[in-house]
Amino acid sequence: MSKETALEAVTRLYQEFMKLPFPPRLAGADRAGFDLVMLDSDTAGWVFIWIKNGGELEARGRSGLLRCIARLDQVLPVLSETDHPEYWHRLHEMARLVADSPQVATT
């Protein structure tokens, strides 16, 4: 996938994702030892920064995003149907697309 195609795809997914309400029952909850509100916020934040920067993340941002993906990888298997797994899978998909996209890391 080219940078432009990845940027367009992630931008569309991000816009759709931002219309979704955070699962209200999960406010203050943690799964696999991670606070779900913070995981959601951190991951979506790095995706937003990547979009805003035209498909690039600084090294710190890339590291932060990869940390979020690793946490999502631990959280996803322990989610129940009442945890709205589709919400978390969308977040994970966006983050993976960003991490897998061709980019020139800036300082």
PDB file of N, CA and C in Angstrom:
ATOM      1  N   MET A   1       0.851  -1.169   0.000  1.00  0.00           N
ATOM      2  CA  MET A   1       0.000   0.000   0.000  1.00  0.00           C
ATOM      3  C   MET A   1       0.903   1.241   0.000  1.00  0.00           C
ATOM      4  N   SER A   2       0.632   2.163  -0.880  1.00  0.00           N
ATOM      5  CA  SER A   2       1.425   3.393  -0.929  1.00  0.00           C
ATOM      6  C   SER A   2       1.089   4.292   0.243  1.00  0.00           C
ATOM      7  N   LYS A   3       1.958   5.259   0.512  1.00  0.00           N
ATOM      8  CA  LYS A   3       1.713   6.187   1.622  1.00  0.00           C
ATOM      9  C   LYS A   3       0.377   6.899   1.434  1.00  0.00           C
ATOM     10  N   GLU A   4       0.118   7.380   0.213  1.00  0.00           N
ATOM     11  CA  GLU A   4      -1.132   8.093  -0.044  1.00  0.00           C
ATOM     12  C   GLU A   4      -2.344   7.204   0.200  1.00  0.00           C
ATOM     13  N   THR A   5      -2.274   5.981  -0.267  1.00  0.00           N
ATOM     14  CA  THR A   5      -3.386   5.062  -0.079  1.00  0.00           C
ATOM     15  C   THR A   5      -3.567   4.742   1.409  1.00  0.00           C
ATOM     16  N   ALA A   6      -2.495   4.506   2.123  1.00  0.00           N
ATOM     17  CA  ALA A   6      -2.580   4.245   3.559  1.00  0.00           C
ATOM     18  C   ALA A   6      -3.134   5.464   4.285  1.00  0.00           C
ATOM     19  N   LEU A   7      -2.666   6.648   3.921  1.00  0.00           N
ATOM     20  CA  LEU A   7      -3.136   7.870   4.569  1.00  0.00           C
ATOM     21  C   LEU A   7      -4.632   8.062   4.322  1.00  0.00           C
ATOM     22  N   GLU A   8      -5.070   7.837   3.105  1.00  0.00           N
ATOM     23  CA  GLU A   8      -6.502   7.970   2.799  1.00  0.00           C
ATOM     24  C   GLU A   8      -7.318   6.946   3.577  1.00  0.00           C
ATOM     25  N   ALA A   9      -6.848   5.706   3.604  1.00  0.00           N
ATOM     26  CA  ALA A   9      -7.580   4.643   4.295  1.00  0.00           C
ATOM     27  C   ALA A   9      -7.660   4.914   5.794  1.00  0.00           C
ATOM     28  N   VAL A  10      -6.543   5.281   6.387  1.00  0.00           N
ATOM     29  CA  VAL A  10      -6.534   5.534   7.830  1.00  0.00           C
ATOM     30  C   VAL A  10      -7.362   6.772   8.161  1.00  0.00           C
ATOM     31  N   THR A  11      -7.299   7.790   7.330  1.00  0.00           N
ATOM     32  CA  THR A  11      -8.106   8.996   7.571  1.00  0.00           C
ATOM     33  C   THR A  11      -9.588   8.645   7.572  1.00  0.00           C
ATOM     34  N   ARG A  12     -10.022   7.841   6.611  1.00  0.00           N
ATOM     35  CA  ARG A  12     -11.428   7.426   6.549  1.00  0.00           C
ATOM     36  C   ARG A  12     -11.800   6.600   7.781  1.00  0.00           C
ATOM     37  N   LEU A  13     -10.955   5.617   8.116  1.00  0.00           N
ATOM     38  CA  LEU A  13     -11.229   4.791   9.290  1.00  0.00           C
ATOM     39  C   LEU A  13     -11.260   5.620  10.567  1.00  0.00           C
ATOM     40  N   TYR A  14     -10.350   6.585  10.667  1.00  0.00           N
ATOM     41  CA  TYR A  14     -10.296   7.442  11.857  1.00  0.00           C
ATOM     42  C   TYR A  14     -11.574   8.277  11.973  1.00  0.00           C
ATOM     43  N   GLN A  15     -12.020   8.852  10.866  1.00  0.00           N
ATOM     44  CA  GLN A  15     -13.248   9.651  10.892  1.00  0.00           C
ATOM     45  C   GLN A  15     -14.449   8.804  11.310  1.00  0.00           C
ATOM     46  N   GLU A  16     -14.516   7.590  10.794  1.00  0.00           N
ATOM     47  CA  GLU A  16     -15.599   6.677  11.183  1.00  0.00           C
ATOM     48  C   GLU A  16     -15.481   6.304  12.660  1.00  0.00           C
ATOM     49  N   PHE A  17     -14.262   6.015  13.100  1.00  0.00           N
ATOM     50  CA  PHE A  17     -14.026   5.610  14.478  1.00  0.00           C
ATOM     51  C   PHE A  17     -14.409   6.711  15.457  1.00  0.00           C
ATOM     52  N   MET A  18     -14.092   7.953  15.117  1.00  0.00           N
ATOM     53  CA  MET A  18     -14.370   9.064  16.026  1.00  0.00           C
ATOM     54  C   MET A  18     -15.865   9.319  16.199  1.00  0.00           C
ATOM     55  N   LYS A  19     -16.681   8.782  15.339  1.00  0.00           N
ATOM     56  CA  LYS A  19     -18.137   8.903  15.478  1.00  0.00           C
ATOM     57  C   LYS A  19     -18.701   7.877  16.457  1.00  0.00           C
ATOM     58  N   LEU A  20     -17.901   6.863  16.762  1.00  0.00           N
ATOM     59  CA  LEU A  20     -18.355   5.813  17.676  1.00  0.00           C
ATOM     60  C   LEU A  20     -18.221   6.285  19.124  1.00  0.00           C
ATOM     61  N   PRO A  21     -19.222   6.021  19.939  1.00  0.00           N
ATOM     62  CA  PRO A  21     -19.068   6.361  21.357  1.00  0.00           C
ATOM     63  C   PRO A  21     -18.147   5.345  22.040  1.00  0.00           C
ATOM     64  N   PHE A  22     -17.365   5.844  22.984  1.00  0.00           N
ATOM     65  CA  PHE A  22     -16.571   4.924  23.786  1.00  0.00           C
ATOM     66  C   PHE A  22     -17.554   4.060  24.567  1.00  0.00           C
ATOM     67  N   PRO A  23     -17.330   2.756  24.615  1.00  0.00           N
ATOM     68  CA  PRO A  23     -18.261   1.893  25.349  1.00  0.00           C
ATOM     69  C   PRO A  23     -18.402   2.361  26.805  1.00  0.00           C
ATOM     70  N   PRO A  24     -19.568   2.908  27.169  1.00  0.00           N
ATOM     71  CA  PRO A  24     -19.730   3.548  28.481  1.00  0.00           C
ATOM     72  C   PRO A  24     -19.466   2.621  29.662  1.00  0.00           C
ATOM     73  N   ARG A  25     -19.763   1.369  29.544  1.00  0.00           N
ATOM     74  CA  ARG A  25     -19.547   0.426  30.636  1.00  0.00           C
ATOM     75  C   ARG A  25     -18.065   0.226  30.923  1.00  0.00           C
ATOM     76  N   LEU A  26     -17.221   0.636  29.981  1.00  0.00           N
ATOM     77  CA  LEU A  26     -15.784   0.392  30.121  1.00  0.00           C
ATOM     78  C   LEU A  26     -15.009   1.581  30.685  1.00  0.00           C
ATOM     79  N   ALA A  27     -15.681   2.672  30.950  1.00  0.00           N
ATOM     80  CA  ALA A  27     -15.001   3.821  31.566  1.00  0.00           C
ATOM     81  C   ALA A  27     -14.467   3.385  32.926  1.00  0.00           C
ATOM     82  N   GLY A  28     -13.175   3.507  33.118  1.00  0.00           N
ATOM     83  CA  GLY A  28     -12.546   3.107  34.367  1.00  0.00           C
ATOM     84  C   GLY A  28     -12.182   1.637  34.443  1.00  0.00           C
ATOM     85  N   ALA A  29     -12.498   0.879  33.396  1.00  0.00           N
ATOM     86  CA  ALA A  29     -12.206  -0.560  33.392  1.00  0.00           C
ATOM     87  C   ALA A  29     -10.799  -0.820  32.868  1.00  0.00           C
ATOM     88  N   ASP A  30     -10.262  -1.962  33.259  1.00  0.00           N
ATOM     89  CA  ASP A  30      -9.013  -2.392  32.634  1.00  0.00           C
ATOM     90  C   ASP A  30      -9.155  -3.842  32.222  1.00  0.00           C
ATOM     91  N   ARG A  31      -8.392  -4.177  31.222  1.00  0.00           N
ATOM     92  CA  ARG A  31      -8.324  -5.545  30.725  1.00  0.00           C
ATOM     93  C   ARG A  31      -6.849  -5.849  30.521  1.00  0.00           C
ATOM     94  N   ALA A  32      -6.456  -7.034  30.896  1.00  0.00           N
ATOM     95  CA  ALA A  32      -5.065  -7.479  30.770  1.00  0.00           C
ATOM     96  C   ALA A  32      -4.117  -6.497  31.455  1.00  0.00           C
ATOM     97  N   GLY A  33      -4.629  -5.799  32.481  1.00  0.00           N
ATOM     98  CA  GLY A  33      -3.796  -4.870  33.237  1.00  0.00           C
ATOM     99  C   GLY A  33      -3.666  -3.480  32.632  1.00  0.00           C
ATOM    100  N   PHE A  34      -4.437  -3.174  31.607  1.00  0.00           N
ATOM    101  CA  PHE A  34      -4.340  -1.865  30.957  1.00  0.00           C
ATOM    102  C   PHE A  34      -5.654  -1.108  31.077  1.00  0.00           C
ATOM    103  N   ASP A  35      -5.551   0.170  31.436  1.00  0.00           N
ATOM    104  CA  ASP A  35      -6.707   1.056  31.518  1.00  0.00           C
ATOM    105  C   ASP A  35      -7.222   1.284  30.099  1.00  0.00           C
ATOM    106  N   LEU A  36      -8.480   0.926  29.859  1.00  0.00           N
ATOM    107  CA  LEU A  36      -9.017   0.995  28.505  1.00  0.00           C
ATOM    108  C   LEU A  36      -9.206   2.419  28.001  1.00  0.00           C
ATOM    109  N   VAL A  37      -9.556   3.346  28.888  1.00  0.00           N
ATOM    110  CA  VAL A  37      -9.696   4.739  28.463  1.00  0.00           C
ATOM    111  C   VAL A  37      -8.350   5.273  27.980  1.00  0.00           C
ATOM    112  N   MET A  38      -7.300   5.004  28.726  1.00  0.00           N
ATOM    113  CA  MET A  38      -5.968   5.478  28.341  1.00  0.00           C
ATOM    114  C   MET A  38      -5.487   4.788  27.062  1.00  0.00           C
ATOM    115  N   LEU A  39      -5.739   3.500  26.939  1.00  0.00           N
ATOM    116  CA  LEU A  39      -5.328   2.771  25.748  1.00  0.00           C
ATOM    117  C   LEU A  39      -6.024   3.336  24.512  1.00  0.00           C
ATOM    118  N   ASP A  40      -7.300   3.599  24.628  1.00  0.00           N
ATOM    119  CA  ASP A  40      -8.074   4.190  23.538  1.00  0.00           C
ATOM    120  C   ASP A  40      -7.529   5.576  23.183  1.00  0.00           C
ATOM    121  N   SER A  41      -7.359   6.400  24.184  1.00  0.00           N
ATOM    122  CA  SER A  41      -6.897   7.767  23.984  1.00  0.00           C
ATOM    123  C   SER A  41      -5.493   7.816  23.388  1.00  0.00           C
ATOM    124  N   ASP A  42      -4.587   7.040  23.948  1.00  0.00           N
ATOM    125  CA  ASP A  42      -3.207   7.034  23.458  1.00  0.00           C
ATOM    126  C   ASP A  42      -3.132   6.554  22.011  1.00  0.00           C
ATOM    127  N   THR A  43      -3.812   5.461  21.720  1.00  0.00           N
ATOM    128  CA  THR A  43      -3.755   4.895  20.371  1.00  0.00           C
ATOM    129  C   THR A  43      -4.357   5.849  19.354  1.00  0.00           C
ATOM    130  N   ALA A  44      -5.561   6.338  19.639  1.00  0.00           N
ATOM    131  CA  ALA A  44      -6.213   7.272  18.715  1.00  0.00           C
ATOM    132  C   ALA A  44      -5.388   8.552  18.568  1.00  0.00           C
ATOM    133  N   GLY A  45      -4.725   8.969  19.629  1.00  0.00           N
ATOM    134  CA  GLY A  45      -3.887  10.164  19.579  1.00  0.00           C
ATOM    135  C   GLY A  45      -2.711  10.007  18.631  1.00  0.00           C
ATOM    136  N   TRP A  46      -2.026   8.858  18.687  1.00  0.00           N
ATOM    137  CA  TRP A  46      -0.903   8.628  17.771  1.00  0.00           C
ATOM    138  C   TRP A  46      -1.383   8.525  16.339  1.00  0.00           C
ATOM    139  N   VAL A  47      -2.546   7.903  16.121  1.00  0.00           N
ATOM    140  CA  VAL A  47      -3.106   7.819  14.771  1.00  0.00           C
ATOM    141  C   VAL A  47      -3.423   9.223  14.263  1.00  0.00           C
ATOM    142  N   PHE A  48      -4.023  10.062  15.107  1.00  0.00           N
ATOM    143  CA  PHE A  48      -4.347  11.435  14.719  1.00  0.00           C
ATOM    144  C   PHE A  48      -3.084  12.217  14.351  1.00  0.00           C
ATOM    145  N   ILE A  49      -2.047  12.083  15.158  1.00  0.00           N
ATOM    146  CA  ILE A  49      -0.787  12.793  14.878  1.00  0.00           C
ATOM    147  C   ILE A  49      -0.212  12.336  13.543  1.00  0.00           C
ATOM    148  N   TRP A  50      -0.263  11.047  13.269  1.00  0.00           N
ATOM    149  CA  TRP A  50       0.223  10.506  11.997  1.00  0.00           C
ATOM    150  C   TRP A  50      -0.550  11.117  10.832  1.00  0.00           C
ATOM    151  N   ILE A  51      -1.868  11.183  10.959  1.00  0.00           N
ATOM    152  CA  ILE A  51      -2.706  11.781   9.909  1.00  0.00           C
ATOM    153  C   ILE A  51      -2.344  13.259   9.747  1.00  0.00           C
ATOM    154  N   LYS A  52      -2.283  13.976  10.863  1.00  0.00           N
ATOM    155  CA  LYS A  52      -1.983  15.407  10.838  1.00  0.00           C
ATOM    156  C   LYS A  52      -0.623  15.692  10.196  1.00  0.00           C
ATOM    157  N   ASN A  53       0.343  14.796  10.392  1.00  0.00           N
ATOM    158  CA  ASN A  53       1.691  14.958   9.841  1.00  0.00           C
ATOM    159  C   ASN A  53       1.822  14.377   8.432  1.00  0.00           C
ATOM    160  N   GLY A  54       0.700  14.104   7.792  1.00  0.00           N
ATOM    161  CA  GLY A  54       0.743  13.624   6.417  1.00  0.00           C
ATOM    162  C   GLY A  54       1.293  12.225   6.255  1.00  0.00           C
ATOM    163  N   GLY A  55       1.144  11.403   7.259  1.00  0.00           N
ATOM    164  CA  GLY A  55       1.582  10.009   7.170  1.00  0.00           C
ATOM    165  C   GLY A  55       2.956   9.753   7.750  1.00  0.00           C
ATOM    166  N   GLU A  56       3.383  10.600   8.672  1.00  0.00           N
ATOM    167  CA  GLU A  56       4.685  10.410   9.309  1.00  0.00           C
ATOM    168  C   GLU A  56       4.560  10.549  10.823  1.00  0.00           C
ATOM    169  N   LEU A  57       5.408   9.809  11.525  1.00  0.00           N
ATOM    170  CA  LEU A  57       5.526   9.916  12.976  1.00  0.00           C
ATOM    171  C   LEU A  57       6.995  10.060  13.331  1.00  0.00           C
ATOM    172  N   GLU A  58       7.264  10.861  14.313  1.00  0.00           N
ATOM    173  CA  GLU A  58       8.620  10.929  14.849  1.00  0.00           C
ATOM    174  C   GLU A  58       8.921   9.599  15.538  1.00  0.00           C
ATOM    175  N   ALA A  59      10.180   9.366  15.837  1.00  0.00           N
ATOM    176  CA  ALA A  59      10.586   8.110  16.478  1.00  0.00           C
ATOM    177  C   ALA A  59       9.817   7.884  17.774  1.00  0.00           C
ATOM    178  N   ARG A  60       9.637   8.929  18.586  1.00  0.00           N
ATOM    179  CA  ARG A  60       8.906   8.803  19.852  1.00  0.00           C
ATOM    180  C   ARG A  60       7.456   8.391  19.598  1.00  0.00           C
ATOM    181  N   GLY A  61       6.851   8.974  18.572  1.00  0.00           N
ATOM    182  CA  GLY A  61       5.472   8.637  18.232  1.00  0.00           C
ATOM    183  C   GLY A  61       5.336   7.206  17.750  1.00  0.00           C
ATOM    184  N   ARG A  62       6.276   6.786  16.924  1.00  0.00           N
ATOM    185  CA  ARG A  62       6.243   5.410  16.431  1.00  0.00           C
ATOM    186  C   ARG A  62       6.405   4.430  17.583  1.00  0.00           C
ATOM    187  N   SER A  63       7.314   4.743  18.507  1.00  0.00           N
ATOM    188  CA  SER A  63       7.509   3.901  19.683  1.00  0.00           C
ATOM    189  C   SER A  63       6.232   3.839  20.524  1.00  0.00           C
ATOM    190  N   GLY A  64       5.588   4.982  20.714  1.00  0.00           N
ATOM    191  CA  GLY A  64       4.338   5.028  21.475  1.00  0.00           C
ATOM    192  C   GLY A  64       3.241   4.230  20.808  1.00  0.00           C
ATOM    193  N   LEU A  65       3.146   4.354  19.491  1.00  0.00           N
ATOM    194  CA  LEU A  65       2.130   3.607  18.755  1.00  0.00           C
ATOM    195  C   LEU A  65       2.389   2.108  18.855  1.00  0.00           C
ATOM    196  N   LEU A  66       3.619   1.694  18.694  1.00  0.00           N
ATOM    197  CA  LEU A  66       3.946   0.263  18.795  1.00  0.00           C
ATOM    198  C   LEU A  66       3.657  -0.274  20.191  1.00  0.00           C
ATOM    199  N   ARG A  67       3.857   0.538  21.205  1.00  0.00           N
ATOM    200  CA  ARG A  67       3.523   0.141  22.586  1.00  0.00           C
ATOM    201  C   ARG A  67       2.002  -0.055  22.713  1.00  0.00           C
ATOM    202  N   CYS A  68       1.240   0.841  22.106  1.00  0.00           N
ATOM    203  CA  CYS A  68      -0.224   0.707  22.136  1.00  0.00           C
ATOM    204  C   CYS A  68      -0.673  -0.567  21.420  1.00  0.00           C
ATOM    205  N   ILE A  69      -0.058  -0.853  20.280  1.00  0.00           N
ATOM    206  CA  ILE A  69      -0.413  -2.067  19.539  1.00  0.00           C
ATOM    207  C   ILE A  69      -0.106  -3.305  20.375  1.00  0.00           C
ATOM    208  N   ALA A  70       1.040  -3.315  21.035  1.00  0.00           N
ATOM    209  CA  ALA A  70       1.398  -4.456  21.890  1.00  0.00           C
ATOM    210  C   ALA A  70       0.375  -4.630  23.012  1.00  0.00           C
ATOM    211  N   ARG A  71      -0.095  -3.530  23.557  1.00  0.00           N
ATOM    212  CA  ARG A  71      -1.119  -3.609  24.614  1.00  0.00           C
ATOM    213  C   ARG A  71      -2.445  -4.095  24.055  1.00  0.00           C
ATOM    214  N   LEU A  72      -2.823  -3.585  22.891  1.00  0.00           N
ATOM    215  CA  LEU A  72      -4.056  -4.067  22.258  1.00  0.00           C
ATOM    216  C   LEU A  72      -3.959  -5.556  21.948  1.00  0.00           C
ATOM    217  N   ASP A  73      -2.782  -6.011  21.546  1.00  0.00           N
ATOM    218  CA  ASP A  73      -2.587  -7.440  21.283  1.00  0.00           C
ATOM    219  C   ASP A  73      -2.849  -8.279  22.530  1.00  0.00           C
ATOM    220  N   GLN A  74      -2.610  -7.720  23.698  1.00  0.00           N
ATOM    221  CA  GLN A  74      -2.878  -8.433  24.951  1.00  0.00           C
ATOM    222  C   GLN A  74      -4.337  -8.290  25.380  1.00  0.00           C
ATOM    223  N   VAL A  75      -4.932  -7.152  25.077  1.00  0.00           N
ATOM    224  CA  VAL A  75      -6.309  -6.872  25.496  1.00  0.00           C
ATOM    225  C   VAL A  75      -7.327  -7.622  24.641  1.00  0.00           C
ATOM    226  N   LEU A  76      -7.124  -7.635  23.326  1.00  0.00           N
ATOM    227  CA  LEU A  76      -8.130  -8.214  22.425  1.00  0.00           C
ATOM    228  C   LEU A  76      -8.544  -9.641  22.789  1.00  0.00           C
ATOM    229  N   PRO A  77      -7.614 -10.533  23.118  1.00  0.00           N
ATOM    230  CA  PRO A  77      -8.030 -11.913  23.422  1.00  0.00           C
ATOM    231  C   PRO A  77      -8.869 -12.060  24.690  1.00  0.00           C
ATOM    232  N   VAL A  78      -8.825 -11.093  25.600  1.00  0.00           N
ATOM    233  CA  VAL A  78      -9.561 -11.245  26.857  1.00  0.00           C
ATOM    234  C   VAL A  78     -10.893 -10.496  26.864  1.00  0.00           C
ATOM    235  N   LEU A  79     -11.235  -9.847  25.761  1.00  0.00           N
ATOM    236  CA  LEU A  79     -12.489  -9.105  25.705  1.00  0.00           C
ATOM    237  C   LEU A  79     -13.675 -10.047  25.583  1.00  0.00           C
ATOM    238  N   SER A  80     -14.745  -9.690  26.280  1.00  0.00           N
ATOM    239  CA  SER A  80     -15.991 -10.431  26.127  1.00  0.00           C
ATOM    240  C   SER A  80     -16.884  -9.659  25.154  1.00  0.00           C
ATOM    241  N   GLU A  81     -17.983 -10.246  24.774  1.00  0.00           N
ATOM    242  CA  GLU A  81     -18.912  -9.567  23.862  1.00  0.00           C
ATOM    243  C   GLU A  81     -19.453  -8.276  24.474  1.00  0.00           C
ATOM    244  N   THR A  82     -19.569  -8.217  25.790  1.00  0.00           N
ATOM    245  CA  THR A  82     -20.072  -7.002  26.436  1.00  0.00           C
ATOM    246  C   THR A  82     -19.022  -5.891  26.476  1.00  0.00           C
ATOM    247  N   ASP A  83     -17.778  -6.207  26.088  1.00  0.00           N
ATOM    248  CA  ASP A  83     -16.705  -5.211  26.034  1.00  0.00           C
ATOM    249  C   ASP A  83     -16.631  -4.510  24.679  1.00  0.00           C
ATOM    250  N   HIS A  84     -17.586  -4.811  23.798  1.00  0.00           N
ATOM    251  CA  HIS A  84     -17.624  -4.203  22.462  1.00  0.00           C
ATOM    252  C   HIS A  84     -16.324  -4.470  21.690  1.00  0.00           C
ATOM    253  N   PRO A  85     -15.989  -5.738  21.462  1.00  0.00           N
ATOM    254  CA  PRO A  85     -14.722  -6.059  20.800  1.00  0.00           C
ATOM    255  C   PRO A  85     -14.567  -5.420  19.423  1.00  0.00           C
ATOM    256  N   GLU A  86     -15.675  -5.183  18.724  1.00  0.00           N
ATOM    257  CA  GLU A  86     -15.572  -4.562  17.404  1.00  0.00           C
ATOM    258  C   GLU A  86     -14.950  -3.172  17.491  1.00  0.00           C
ATOM    259  N   TYR A  87     -15.219  -2.441  18.555  1.00  0.00           N
ATOM    260  CA  TYR A  87     -14.629  -1.121  18.781  1.00  0.00           C
ATOM    261  C   TYR A  87     -13.105  -1.238  18.870  1.00  0.00           C
ATOM    262  N   TRP A  88     -12.643  -2.193  19.636  1.00  0.00           N
ATOM    263  CA  TRP A  88     -11.215  -2.383  19.873  1.00  0.00           C
ATOM    264  C   TRP A  88     -10.506  -2.941  18.644  1.00  0.00           C
ATOM    265  N   HIS A  89     -11.201  -3.782  17.882  1.00  0.00           N
ATOM    266  CA  HIS A  89     -10.614  -4.295  16.645  1.00  0.00           C
ATOM    267  C   HIS A  89     -10.435  -3.173  15.619  1.00  0.00           C
ATOM    268  N   ARG A  90     -11.369  -2.235  15.564  1.00  0.00           N
ATOM    269  CA  ARG A  90     -11.227  -1.085  14.661  1.00  0.00           C
ATOM    270  C   ARG A  90     -10.024  -0.241  15.063  1.00  0.00           C
ATOM    271  N   LEU A  91      -9.888   0.002  16.344  1.00  0.00           N
ATOM    272  CA  LEU A  91      -8.760   0.784  16.839  1.00  0.00           C
ATOM    273  C   LEU A  91      -7.441   0.083  16.495  1.00  0.00           C
ATOM    274  N   HIS A  92      -7.404  -1.212  16.705  1.00  0.00           N
ATOM    275  CA  HIS A  92      -6.218  -2.006  16.405  1.00  0.00           C
ATOM    276  C   HIS A  92      -5.907  -1.969  14.912  1.00  0.00           C
ATOM    277  N   GLU A  93      -6.927  -2.101  14.078  1.00  0.00           N
ATOM    278  CA  GLU A  93      -6.730  -2.080  12.629  1.00  0.00           C
ATOM    279  C   GLU A  93      -6.101  -0.763  12.175  1.00  0.00           C
ATOM    280  N   MET A  94      -6.615   0.347  12.684  1.00  0.00           N
ATOM    281  CA  MET A  94      -6.040   1.654  12.333  1.00  0.00           C
ATOM    282  C   MET A  94      -4.583   1.739  12.751  1.00  0.00           C
ATOM    283  N   ALA A  95      -4.312   1.342  13.969  1.00  0.00           N
ATOM    284  CA  ALA A  95      -2.955   1.417  14.491  1.00  0.00           C
ATOM    285  C   ALA A  95      -2.002   0.546  13.667  1.00  0.00           C
ATOM    286  N   ARG A  96      -2.441  -0.649  13.284  1.00  0.00           N
ATOM    287  CA  ARG A  96      -1.604  -1.536  12.470  1.00  0.00           C
ATOM    288  C   ARG A  96      -1.342  -0.931  11.097  1.00  0.00           C
ATOM    289  N   LEU A  97      -2.351  -0.335  10.491  1.00  0.00           N
ATOM    290  CA  LEU A  97      -2.156   0.300   9.190  1.00  0.00           C
ATOM    291  C   LEU A  97      -1.121   1.410   9.279  1.00  0.00           C
ATOM    292  N   VAL A  98      -1.179   2.193  10.342  1.00  0.00           N
ATOM    293  CA  VAL A  98      -0.196   3.263  10.532  1.00  0.00           C
ATOM    294  C   VAL A  98       1.191   2.663  10.726  1.00  0.00           C
ATOM    295  N   ALA A  99       1.307   1.678  11.598  1.00  0.00           N
ATOM    296  CA  ALA A  99       2.612   1.075  11.884  1.00  0.00           C
ATOM    297  C   ALA A  99       3.209   0.396  10.658  1.00  0.00           C
ATOM    298  N   ASP A 100       2.369  -0.163   9.799  1.00  0.00           N
ATOM    299  CA  ASP A 100       2.841  -0.895   8.627  1.00  0.00           C
ATOM    300  C   ASP A 100       3.038  -0.010   7.401  1.00  0.00           C
ATOM    301  N   SER A 101       2.676   1.259   7.512  1.00  0.00           N
ATOM    302  CA  SER A 101       2.745   2.142   6.342  1.00  0.00           C
ATOM    303  C   SER A 101       4.178   2.563   6.063  1.00  0.00           C
ATOM    304  N   PRO A 102       4.478   2.811   4.792  1.00  0.00           N
ATOM    305  CA  PRO A 102       5.804   3.351   4.469  1.00  0.00           C
ATOM    306  C   PRO A 102       5.882   4.795   4.974  1.00  0.00           C
ATOM    307  N   GLN A 103       6.915   5.109   5.661  1.00  0.00           N
ATOM    308  CA  GLN A 103       7.046   6.466   6.177  1.00  0.00           C
ATOM    309  C   GLN A 103       8.504   6.809   6.372  1.00  0.00           C
ATOM    310  N   VAL A 104       8.754   8.082   6.383  1.00  0.00           N
ATOM    311  CA  VAL A 104      10.096   8.582   6.676  1.00  0.00           C
ATOM    312  C   VAL A 104      10.052   9.117   8.075  1.00  0.00           C
ATOM    313  N   ALA A 105      10.687   8.449   9.011  1.00  0.00           N
ATOM    314  CA  ALA A 105      10.675   8.914  10.404  1.00  0.00           C
ATOM    315  C   ALA A 105      11.477  10.193  10.514  1.00  0.00           C
ATOM    316  N   THR A 106      10.894  11.187  11.156  1.00  0.00           N
ATOM    317  CA  THR A 106      11.608  12.425  11.420  1.00  0.00           C
ATOM    318  C   THR A 106      12.175  12.355  12.829  1.00  0.00           C
ATOM    319  N   THR A 107      13.050  13.251  13.157  1.00  0.00           N
ATOM    320  CA  THR A 107      13.739  13.200  14.451  1.00  0.00           C
ATOM    321  C   THR A 107      12.850  13.197  15.622  1.00  0.00           C
TER     322      THR A 107
END
